[in-house]
Amino acid sequence: MKELKQQLNTIFQQHKEKYKSLYNDGGGLQAQAENGNNFSPVIKSLSDKLISKANEFLDKNGTEKKSDIENHIKELIRDFNSLMINPYN
């Protein structure tokens, strides 16, 4: 389980860096619109990869830790959502 959480955290960090590279810190309405457009595919990719990695783990190890894994993924997605406004936090 610890190894899976590390893998999920690595996926999170990769997507955080990806969004940082796309982020427009110009501050105007155009920058905000661009950031929204750039954020959507990155968070979709993050969600897909986190779920895929968790499913691989569950297929190999059974489902007794499923709720712990789901909660960790929800926490990562919630944390990522907060990065939309400022990915440098």
C-alpha atoms as a PDB file:
ATOM      1  CA  MET A   1       0.000   0.000   0.000  1.00  0.00           C
ATOM      2  CA  LYS A   2       2.844   2.381   0.861  1.00  0.00           C
ATOM      3  CA  GLU A   3       4.429   1.734  -2.535  1.00  0.00           C
ATOM      4  CA  LEU A   4       1.130   2.468  -4.297  1.00  0.00           C
ATOM      5  CA  LYS A   5       0.742   5.781  -2.452  1.00  0.00           C
ATOM      6  CA  GLN A   6       4.270   6.722  -3.516  1.00  0.00           C
ATOM      7  CA  GLN A   7       3.410   5.889  -7.133  1.00  0.00           C
ATOM      8  CA  LEU A   8       0.190   7.924  -6.935  1.00  0.00           C
ATOM      9  CA  ASN A   9       2.085  10.854  -5.425  1.00  0.00           C
ATOM     10  CA  THR A  10       4.647  10.639  -8.243  1.00  0.00           C
ATOM     11  CA  ILE A  11       1.847  10.763 -10.818  1.00  0.00           C
ATOM     12  CA  PHE A  12       0.436  13.797  -8.978  1.00  0.00           C
ATOM     13  CA  GLN A  13       3.803  15.591  -9.050  1.00  0.00           C
ATOM     14  CA  GLN A  14       4.270  14.858 -12.767  1.00  0.00           C
ATOM     15  CA  HIS A  15       0.895  16.403 -13.546  1.00  0.00           C
ATOM     16  CA  LYS A  16       1.575  19.357 -11.266  1.00  0.00           C
ATOM     17  CA  GLU A  17       4.775  20.067 -13.201  1.00  0.00           C
ATOM     18  CA  LYS A  18       2.926  19.645 -16.497  1.00  0.00           C
ATOM     19  CA  TYR A  19       0.312  22.212 -15.460  1.00  0.00           C
ATOM     20  CA  LYS A  20       3.007  24.591 -14.197  1.00  0.00           C
ATOM     21  CA  SER A  21       4.629  24.470 -17.625  1.00  0.00           C
ATOM     22  CA  LEU A  22       1.303  25.447 -19.243  1.00  0.00           C
ATOM     23  CA  TYR A  23       0.251  28.030 -16.648  1.00  0.00           C
ATOM     24  CA  ASN A  24      -0.053  31.641 -17.808  1.00  0.00           C
ATOM     25  CA  ASP A  25       0.629  33.945 -14.881  1.00  0.00           C
ATOM     26  CA  GLY A  26      -0.314  37.088 -16.805  1.00  0.00           C
ATOM     27  CA  GLY A  27      -3.185  37.711 -14.422  1.00  0.00           C
ATOM     28  CA  GLY A  28      -5.724  39.021 -16.912  1.00  0.00           C
ATOM     29  CA  LEU A  29      -8.975  37.507 -18.091  1.00  0.00           C
ATOM     30  CA  GLN A  30      -7.266  36.007 -21.147  1.00  0.00           C
ATOM     31  CA  ALA A  31      -4.694  34.299 -18.912  1.00  0.00           C
ATOM     32  CA  GLN A  32      -7.446  32.937 -16.670  1.00  0.00           C
ATOM     33  CA  ALA A  33      -9.309  31.563 -19.691  1.00  0.00           C
ATOM     34  CA  GLU A  34      -6.143  29.922 -21.027  1.00  0.00           C
ATOM     35  CA  ASN A  35      -5.411  28.422 -17.623  1.00  0.00           C
ATOM     36  CA  GLY A  36      -8.915  26.972 -17.442  1.00  0.00           C
ATOM     37  CA  ASN A  37      -8.536  25.486 -20.913  1.00  0.00           C
ATOM     38  CA  ASN A  38      -5.126  24.046 -20.022  1.00  0.00           C
ATOM     39  CA  PHE A  39      -6.250  22.751 -16.626  1.00  0.00           C
ATOM     40  CA  SER A  40      -9.104  20.541 -17.840  1.00  0.00           C
ATOM     41  CA  PRO A  41      -7.070  18.042 -19.896  1.00  0.00           C
ATOM     42  CA  VAL A  42      -4.347  17.865 -17.242  1.00  0.00           C
ATOM     43  CA  ILE A  43      -6.753  17.023 -14.407  1.00  0.00           C
ATOM     44  CA  LYS A  44      -8.549  14.516 -16.679  1.00  0.00           C
ATOM     45  CA  SER A  45      -5.228  12.820 -17.407  1.00  0.00           C
ATOM     46  CA  LEU A  46      -4.348  12.873 -13.702  1.00  0.00           C
ATOM     47  CA  SER A  47      -7.661  11.272 -12.725  1.00  0.00           C
ATOM     48  CA  ASP A  48      -7.366   8.613 -15.426  1.00  0.00           C
ATOM     49  CA  LYS A  49      -3.802   7.681 -14.467  1.00  0.00           C
ATOM     50  CA  LEU A  50      -4.504   7.601 -10.727  1.00  0.00           C
ATOM     51  CA  ILE A  51      -7.524   5.344 -11.233  1.00  0.00           C
ATOM     52  CA  SER A  52      -5.659   3.109 -13.675  1.00  0.00           C
ATOM     53  CA  LYS A  53      -2.724   2.672 -11.273  1.00  0.00           C
ATOM     54  CA  ALA A  54      -5.103   1.956  -8.382  1.00  0.00           C
ATOM     55  CA  ASN A  55      -7.009  -0.612 -10.433  1.00  0.00           C
ATOM     56  CA  GLU A  56      -3.753  -2.386 -11.329  1.00  0.00           C
ATOM     57  CA  PHE A  57      -2.915  -2.570  -7.634  1.00  0.00           C
ATOM     58  CA  LEU A  58      -6.372  -3.830  -6.679  1.00  0.00           C
ATOM     59  CA  ASP A  59      -6.302  -6.486  -9.415  1.00  0.00           C
ATOM     60  CA  LYS A  60      -3.044  -7.852  -8.018  1.00  0.00           C
ATOM     61  CA  ASN A  61      -3.686  -7.405  -4.298  1.00  0.00           C
ATOM     62  CA  GLY A  62      -7.406  -7.695  -3.699  1.00  0.00           C
ATOM     63  CA  THR A  63      -9.830  -5.028  -2.621  1.00  0.00           C
ATOM     64  CA  GLU A  64      -9.456  -4.946   1.164  1.00  0.00           C
ATOM     65  CA  LYS A  65      -7.754  -1.529   1.023  1.00  0.00           C
ATOM     66  CA  LYS A  66     -10.057  -0.101  -1.648  1.00  0.00           C
ATOM     67  CA  SER A  67     -11.598   2.634   0.514  1.00  0.00           C
ATOM     68  CA  ASP A  68      -8.149   3.808   1.682  1.00  0.00           C
ATOM     69  CA  ILE A  69      -6.996   4.016  -1.929  1.00  0.00           C
ATOM     70  CA  GLU A  70     -10.150   5.838  -3.025  1.00  0.00           C
ATOM     71  CA  ASN A  71      -9.741   8.357  -0.209  1.00  0.00           C
ATOM     72  CA  HIS A  72      -6.114   8.996  -1.141  1.00  0.00           C
ATOM     73  CA  ILE A  73      -7.054   9.568  -4.788  1.00  0.00           C
ATOM     74  CA  LYS A  74      -9.845  11.954  -3.758  1.00  0.00           C
ATOM     75  CA  GLU A  75      -7.373  13.870  -1.615  1.00  0.00           C
ATOM     76  CA  LEU A  76      -4.888  14.151  -4.490  1.00  0.00           C
ATOM     77  CA  ILE A  77      -7.570  15.370  -6.888  1.00  0.00           C
ATOM     78  CA  ARG A  78      -8.814  17.895  -4.327  1.00  0.00           C
ATOM     79  CA  ASP A  79      -5.236  19.114  -3.847  1.00  0.00           C
ATOM     80  CA  PHE A  80      -4.771  19.374  -7.606  1.00  0.00           C
ATOM     81  CA  ASN A  81      -7.983  21.380  -8.007  1.00  0.00           C
ATOM     82  CA  SER A  82      -6.542  24.000  -5.668  1.00  0.00           C
ATOM     83  CA  LEU A  83      -3.605  24.424  -8.065  1.00  0.00           C
ATOM     84  CA  MET A  84      -5.787  25.817 -10.859  1.00  0.00           C
ATOM     85  CA  ILE A  85      -5.500  29.358  -9.488  1.00  0.00           C
ATOM     86  CA  ASN A  86      -1.837  29.106  -8.474  1.00  0.00           C
ATOM     87  CA  PRO A  87       0.208  25.975  -9.273  1.00  0.00           C
ATOM     88  CA  TYR A  88       3.190  27.322  -7.335  1.00  0.00           C
ATOM     89  CA  ASN A  89       1.671  26.648  -3.898  1.00  0.00           C
END
